[in-house]
PDB file of all heavy atoms in Angstrom:
ATOM      1  N   GLY A   1       0.806  -1.204   0.001  1.00  0.00           N
ATOM      2  CA  GLY A   1      -0.006   0.002   0.001  1.00  0.00           C
ATOM      3  C   GLY A   1       0.844   1.253   0.004  1.00  0.00           C
ATOM      4  O   GLY A   1       2.058   1.224  -0.188  1.00  0.00           O
ATOM      5  N   MET A   2       0.191   2.381   0.263  1.00  0.00           N
ATOM      6  CA  MET A   2       0.838   3.661   0.294  1.00  0.00           C
ATOM      7  C   MET A   2       1.294   3.997   1.723  1.00  0.00           C
ATOM      8  O   MET A   2       0.563   3.743   2.697  1.00  0.00           O
ATOM      9  CB  MET A   2      -0.090   4.776  -0.191  1.00  0.00           C
ATOM     10  CG  MET A   2      -0.442   4.719  -1.651  1.00  0.00           C
ATOM     11  SD  MET A   2       0.995   4.984  -2.740  1.00  0.00           S
ATOM     12  CE  MET A   2       1.553   6.616  -2.160  1.00  0.00           C
ATOM     13  N   ALA A   3       2.473   4.584   1.825  1.00  0.00           N
ATOM     14  CA  ALA A   3       2.975   5.096   3.111  1.00  0.00           C
ATOM     15  C   ALA A   3       3.489   6.508   2.861  1.00  0.00           C
ATOM     16  O   ALA A   3       3.835   6.859   1.733  1.00  0.00           O
ATOM     17  CB  ALA A   3       4.065   4.201   3.673  1.00  0.00           C
ATOM     18  N   PHE A   4       3.557   7.308   3.924  1.00  0.00           N
ATOM     19  CA  PHE A   4       4.000   8.689   3.790  1.00  0.00           C
ATOM     20  C   PHE A   4       5.067   8.983   4.820  1.00  0.00           C
ATOM     21  O   PHE A   4       4.913   8.693   5.993  1.00  0.00           O
ATOM     22  CB  PHE A   4       2.815   9.641   3.952  1.00  0.00           C
ATOM     23  CG  PHE A   4       1.723   9.419   2.945  1.00  0.00           C
ATOM     24  CD1 PHE A   4       0.729   8.493   3.161  1.00  0.00           C
ATOM     25  CD2 PHE A   4       1.730  10.121   1.747  1.00  0.00           C
ATOM     26  CE1 PHE A   4      -0.259   8.257   2.216  1.00  0.00           C
ATOM     27  CE2 PHE A   4       0.748   9.927   0.798  1.00  0.00           C
ATOM     28  CZ  PHE A   4      -0.243   8.990   1.035  1.00  0.00           C
ATOM     29  N   MET A   5       6.160   9.587   4.348  1.00  0.00           N
ATOM     30  CA  MET A   5       7.276   9.965   5.212  1.00  0.00           C
ATOM     31  C   MET A   5       7.361  11.486   5.240  1.00  0.00           C
ATOM     32  O   MET A   5       6.983  12.182   4.308  1.00  0.00           O
ATOM     33  CB  MET A   5       8.592   9.397   4.722  1.00  0.00           C
ATOM     34  CG  MET A   5       8.674   7.888   4.639  1.00  0.00           C
ATOM     35  SD  MET A   5      10.372   7.353   4.246  1.00  0.00           S
ATOM     36  CE  MET A   5      10.687   8.256   2.747  1.00  0.00           C
ATOM     37  N   HIS A   6       7.940  11.995   6.342  1.00  0.00           N
ATOM     38  CA  HIS A   6       8.222  13.430   6.447  1.00  0.00           C
ATOM     39  C   HIS A   6       9.705  13.629   6.501  1.00  0.00           C
ATOM     40  O   HIS A   6      10.424  12.924   7.211  1.00  0.00           O
ATOM     41  CB  HIS A   6       7.575  14.030   7.693  1.00  0.00           C
ATOM     42  CG  HIS A   6       7.925  15.466   7.851  1.00  0.00           C
ATOM     43  ND1 HIS A   6       8.925  15.903   8.732  1.00  0.00           N
ATOM     44  CD2 HIS A   6       7.430  16.603   7.264  1.00  0.00           C
ATOM     45  CE1 HIS A   6       9.011  17.220   8.636  1.00  0.00           C
ATOM     46  NE2 HIS A   6       8.125  17.647   7.783  1.00  0.00           N
ATOM     47  N   VAL A   7      10.203  14.616   5.701  1.00  0.00           N
ATOM     48  CA  VAL A   7      11.634  14.948   5.724  1.00  0.00           C
ATOM     49  C   VAL A   7      11.809  16.408   6.083  1.00  0.00           C
ATOM     50  O   VAL A   7      10.915  17.226   5.866  1.00  0.00           O
ATOM     51  CB  VAL A   7      12.292  14.648   4.336  1.00  0.00           C
ATOM     52  CG1 VAL A   7      12.046  13.225   3.946  1.00  0.00           C
ATOM     53  CG2 VAL A   7      11.769  15.587   3.290  1.00  0.00           C
ATOM     54  N   GLY A   8      12.966  16.764   6.631  1.00  0.00           N
ATOM     55  CA  GLY A   8      13.250  18.132   7.019  1.00  0.00           C
ATOM     56  C   GLY A   8      13.890  18.920   5.896  1.00  0.00           C
ATOM     57  O   GLY A   8      14.773  18.449   5.200  1.00  0.00           O
ATOM     58  N   GLY A   9      13.405  20.150   5.716  1.00  0.00           N
ATOM     59  CA  GLY A   9      14.001  21.006   4.681  1.00  0.00           C
ATOM     60  C   GLY A   9      13.557  20.557   3.285  1.00  0.00           C
ATOM     61  O   GLY A   9      12.383  20.272   3.026  1.00  0.00           O
ATOM     62  N   THR A  10      14.507  20.484   2.364  1.00  0.00           N
ATOM     63  CA  THR A  10      14.275  20.090   0.996  1.00  0.00           C
ATOM     64  C   THR A  10      14.741  18.646   0.811  1.00  0.00           C
ATOM     65  O   THR A  10      15.702  18.221   1.406  1.00  0.00           O
ATOM     66  CB  THR A  10      15.029  21.000   0.009  1.00  0.00           C
ATOM     67  OG1 THR A  10      14.586  22.346   0.217  1.00  0.00           O
ATOM     68  CG2 THR A  10      14.757  20.612  -1.433  1.00  0.00           C
ATOM     69  N   VAL A  11      13.979  17.884  -0.018  1.00  0.00           N
ATOM     70  CA  VAL A  11      14.313  16.496  -0.238  1.00  0.00           C
ATOM     71  C   VAL A  11      15.033  16.328  -1.570  1.00  0.00           C
ATOM     72  O   VAL A  11      14.733  16.997  -2.556  1.00  0.00           O
ATOM     73  CB  VAL A  11      13.041  15.619  -0.216  1.00  0.00           C
ATOM     74  CG1 VAL A  11      12.073  16.006  -1.316  1.00  0.00           C
ATOM     75  CG2 VAL A  11      13.393  14.132  -0.359  1.00  0.00           C
ATOM     76  N   ALA A  12      16.028  15.446  -1.584  1.00  0.00           N
ATOM     77  CA  ALA A  12      16.731  15.070  -2.815  1.00  0.00           C
ATOM     78  C   ALA A  12      16.526  13.567  -3.023  1.00  0.00           C
ATOM     79  O   ALA A  12      16.767  12.747  -2.128  1.00  0.00           O
ATOM     80  CB  ALA A  12      18.219  15.364  -2.679  1.00  0.00           C
ATOM     81  N   LYS A  13      16.049  13.209  -4.215  1.00  0.00           N
ATOM     82  CA  LYS A  13      15.837  11.807  -4.563  1.00  0.00           C
ATOM     83  C   LYS A  13      16.937  11.392  -5.539  1.00  0.00           C
ATOM     84  O   LYS A  13      17.115  12.011  -6.600  1.00  0.00           O
ATOM     85  CB  LYS A  13      14.472  11.616  -5.211  1.00  0.00           C
ATOM     86  CG  LYS A  13      14.165  10.168  -5.598  1.00  0.00           C
ATOM     87  CD  LYS A  13      12.804  10.076  -6.268  1.00  0.00           C
ATOM     88  CE  LYS A  13      12.502   8.638  -6.704  1.00  0.00           C
ATOM     89  NZ  LYS A  13      11.177   8.524  -7.365  1.00  0.00           N
ATOM     90  N   LYS A  14      17.680  10.360  -5.171  1.00  0.00           N
ATOM     91  CA  LYS A  14      18.783   9.874  -5.975  1.00  0.00           C
ATOM     92  C   LYS A  14      18.512   8.446  -6.450  1.00  0.00           C
ATOM     93  O   LYS A  14      18.146   7.584  -5.652  1.00  0.00           O
ATOM     94  CB  LYS A  14      20.093   9.913  -5.183  1.00  0.00           C
ATOM     95  CG  LYS A  14      20.518  11.302  -4.725  1.00  0.00           C
ATOM     96  CD  LYS A  14      20.925  12.188  -5.866  1.00  0.00           C
ATOM     97  CE  LYS A  14      21.462  13.514  -5.393  1.00  0.00           C
ATOM     98  NZ  LYS A  14      21.888  14.387  -6.523  1.00  0.00           N
ATOM     99  N   GLU A  15      18.687   8.230  -7.754  1.00  0.00           N
ATOM    100  CA  GLU A  15      18.570   6.883  -8.285  1.00  0.00           C
ATOM    101  C   GLU A  15      20.000   6.376  -8.572  1.00  0.00           C
ATOM    102  O   GLU A  15      20.655   6.750  -9.512  1.00  0.00           O
ATOM    103  CB  GLU A  15      17.767   6.911  -9.586  1.00  0.00           C
ATOM    104  CG  GLU A  15      16.318   7.377  -9.431  1.00  0.00           C
ATOM    105  CD  GLU A  15      15.446   6.350  -8.724  1.00  0.00           C
ATOM    106  OE1 GLU A  15      15.910   5.209  -8.529  1.00  0.00           O
ATOM    107  OE2 GLU A  15      14.292   6.709  -8.376  1.00  0.00           O
ATOM    108  N   LEU A  16      20.475   5.490  -7.707  1.00  0.00           N
ATOM    109  CA  LEU A  16      21.819   4.983  -7.797  1.00  0.00           C
ATOM    110  C   LEU A  16      21.886   3.771  -8.752  1.00  0.00           C
ATOM    111  O   LEU A  16      21.052   2.875  -8.656  1.00  0.00           O
ATOM    112  CB  LEU A  16      22.353   4.580  -6.430  1.00  0.00           C
ATOM    113  CG  LEU A  16      22.396   5.690  -5.359  1.00  0.00           C
ATOM    114  CD1 LEU A  16      22.971   5.127  -4.052  1.00  0.00           C
ATOM    115  CD2 LEU A  16      23.202   6.875  -5.819  1.00  0.00           C
ATOM    116  N   GLN A  17      22.897   3.783  -9.603  1.00  0.00           N
ATOM    117  CA  GLN A  17      23.118   2.624 -10.475  1.00  0.00           C
ATOM    118  C   GLN A  17      23.907   1.570  -9.716  1.00  0.00           C
ATOM    119  O   GLN A  17      24.438   1.806  -8.639  1.00  0.00           O
ATOM    120  CB  GLN A  17      23.895   3.071 -11.720  1.00  0.00           C
ATOM    121  CG  GLN A  17      23.227   4.147 -12.518  1.00  0.00           C
ATOM    122  CD  GLN A  17      21.837   3.760 -12.983  1.00  0.00           C
ATOM    123  OE1 GLN A  17      21.648   2.663 -13.503  1.00  0.00           O
ATOM    124  NE2 GLN A  17      20.865   4.651 -12.794  1.00  0.00           N
ATOM    125  N   ALA A  18      23.980   0.393 -10.270  1.00  0.00           N
ATOM    126  CA  ALA A  18      24.687  -0.718  -9.622  1.00  0.00           C
ATOM    127  C   ALA A  18      26.163  -0.322  -9.388  1.00  0.00           C
ATOM    128  O   ALA A  18      26.827   0.067 -10.320  1.00  0.00           O
ATOM    129  CB  ALA A  18      24.604  -1.968 -10.477  1.00  0.00           C
ATOM    130  N   GLY A  19      26.593  -0.416  -8.135  1.00  0.00           N
ATOM    131  CA  GLY A  19      27.962  -0.089  -7.795  1.00  0.00           C
ATOM    132  C   GLY A  19      28.215   1.372  -7.533  1.00  0.00           C
ATOM    133  O   GLY A  19      29.268   1.736  -7.000  1.00  0.00           O
ATOM    134  N   GLU A  20      27.260   2.251  -7.855  1.00  0.00           N
ATOM    135  CA  GLU A  20      27.431   3.697  -7.644  1.00  0.00           C
ATOM    136  C   GLU A  20      27.338   3.995  -6.144  1.00  0.00           C
ATOM    137  O   GLU A  20      26.454   3.484  -5.472  1.00  0.00           O
ATOM    138  CB  GLU A  20      26.379   4.475  -8.395  1.00  0.00           C
ATOM    139  CG  GLU A  20      26.529   5.984  -8.274  1.00  0.00           C
ATOM    140  CD  GLU A  20      25.428   6.764  -9.031  1.00  0.00           C
ATOM    141  OE1 GLU A  20      24.587   6.085  -9.683  1.00  0.00           O
ATOM    142  OE2 GLU A  20      25.451   7.982  -8.994  1.00  0.00           O
ATOM    143  N   ILE A  21      28.249   4.844  -5.646  1.00  0.00           N
ATOM    144  CA  ILE A  21      28.308   5.139  -4.222  1.00  0.00           C
ATOM    145  C   ILE A  21      28.021   6.618  -3.970  1.00  0.00           C
ATOM    146  O   ILE A  21      28.562   7.499  -4.667  1.00  0.00           O
ATOM    147  CB  ILE A  21      29.678   4.775  -3.634  1.00  0.00           C
ATOM    148  CG1 ILE A  21      29.903   3.255  -3.697  1.00  0.00           C
ATOM    149  CG2 ILE A  21      29.816   5.248  -2.174  1.00  0.00           C
ATOM    150  CD1 ILE A  21      31.275   2.823  -3.235  1.00  0.00           C
ATOM    151  N   LEU A  22      27.170   6.892  -3.000  1.00  0.00           N
ATOM    152  CA  LEU A  22      26.862   8.274  -2.577  1.00  0.00           C
ATOM    153  C   LEU A  22      27.250   8.408  -1.123  1.00  0.00           C
ATOM    154  O   LEU A  22      26.855   7.606  -0.274  1.00  0.00           O
ATOM    155  CB  LEU A  22      25.364   8.537  -2.748  1.00  0.00           C
ATOM    156  CG  LEU A  22      24.872   9.932  -2.402  1.00  0.00           C
ATOM    157  CD1 LEU A  22      25.405  10.972  -3.391  1.00  0.00           C
ATOM    158  CD2 LEU A  22      23.349   9.989  -2.375  1.00  0.00           C
ATOM    159  N   LYS A  23      28.059   9.461  -0.809  1.00  0.00           N
ATOM    160  CA  LYS A  23      28.481   9.711   0.570  1.00  0.00           C
ATOM    161  C   LYS A  23      27.576  10.796   1.140  1.00  0.00           C
ATOM    162  O   LYS A  23      27.427  11.885   0.531  1.00  0.00           O
ATOM    163  CB  LYS A  23      29.930  10.130   0.627  1.00  0.00           C
ATOM    164  CG  LYS A  23      30.889   9.025   0.185  1.00  0.00           C
ATOM    165  CD  LYS A  23      32.350   9.460   0.309  1.00  0.00           C
ATOM    166  CE  LYS A  23      33.284   8.347  -0.139  1.00  0.00           C
ATOM    167  NZ  LYS A  23      34.708   8.709   0.011  1.00  0.00           N
ATOM    168  N   VAL A  24      27.041  10.571   2.328  1.00  0.00           N
ATOM    169  CA  VAL A  24      26.018  11.470   2.903  1.00  0.00           C
ATOM    170  C   VAL A  24      26.302  11.655   4.382  1.00  0.00           C
ATOM    171  O   VAL A  24      26.799  10.754   5.069  1.00  0.00           O
ATOM    172  CB  VAL A  24      24.611  10.851   2.722  1.00  0.00           C
ATOM    173  CG1 VAL A  24      23.533  11.802   3.208  1.00  0.00           C
ATOM    174  CG2 VAL A  24      24.353  10.434   1.306  1.00  0.00           C
ATOM    175  N   ASP A  25      25.986  12.832   4.894  1.00  0.00           N
ATOM    176  CA  ASP A  25      25.986  13.035   6.343  1.00  0.00           C
ATOM    177  C   ASP A  25      24.990  12.066   6.951  1.00  0.00           C
ATOM    178  O   ASP A  25      23.875  11.919   6.434  1.00  0.00           O
ATOM    179  CB  ASP A  25      25.570  14.496   6.681  1.00  0.00           C
ATOM    180  CG  ASP A  25      25.554  14.753   8.157  1.00  0.00           C
ATOM    181  OD1 ASP A  25      24.505  14.477   8.799  1.00  0.00           O
ATOM    182  OD2 ASP A  25      26.553  15.241   8.692  1.00  0.00           O
TER     183      ASP A  25
END
């Protein structure tokens, strides 16, 4: 079903490819 999340500030959606690495706080 549908679920809803809340995020602080502005949201960034990233689609990572296989093996791609993103470093995040």
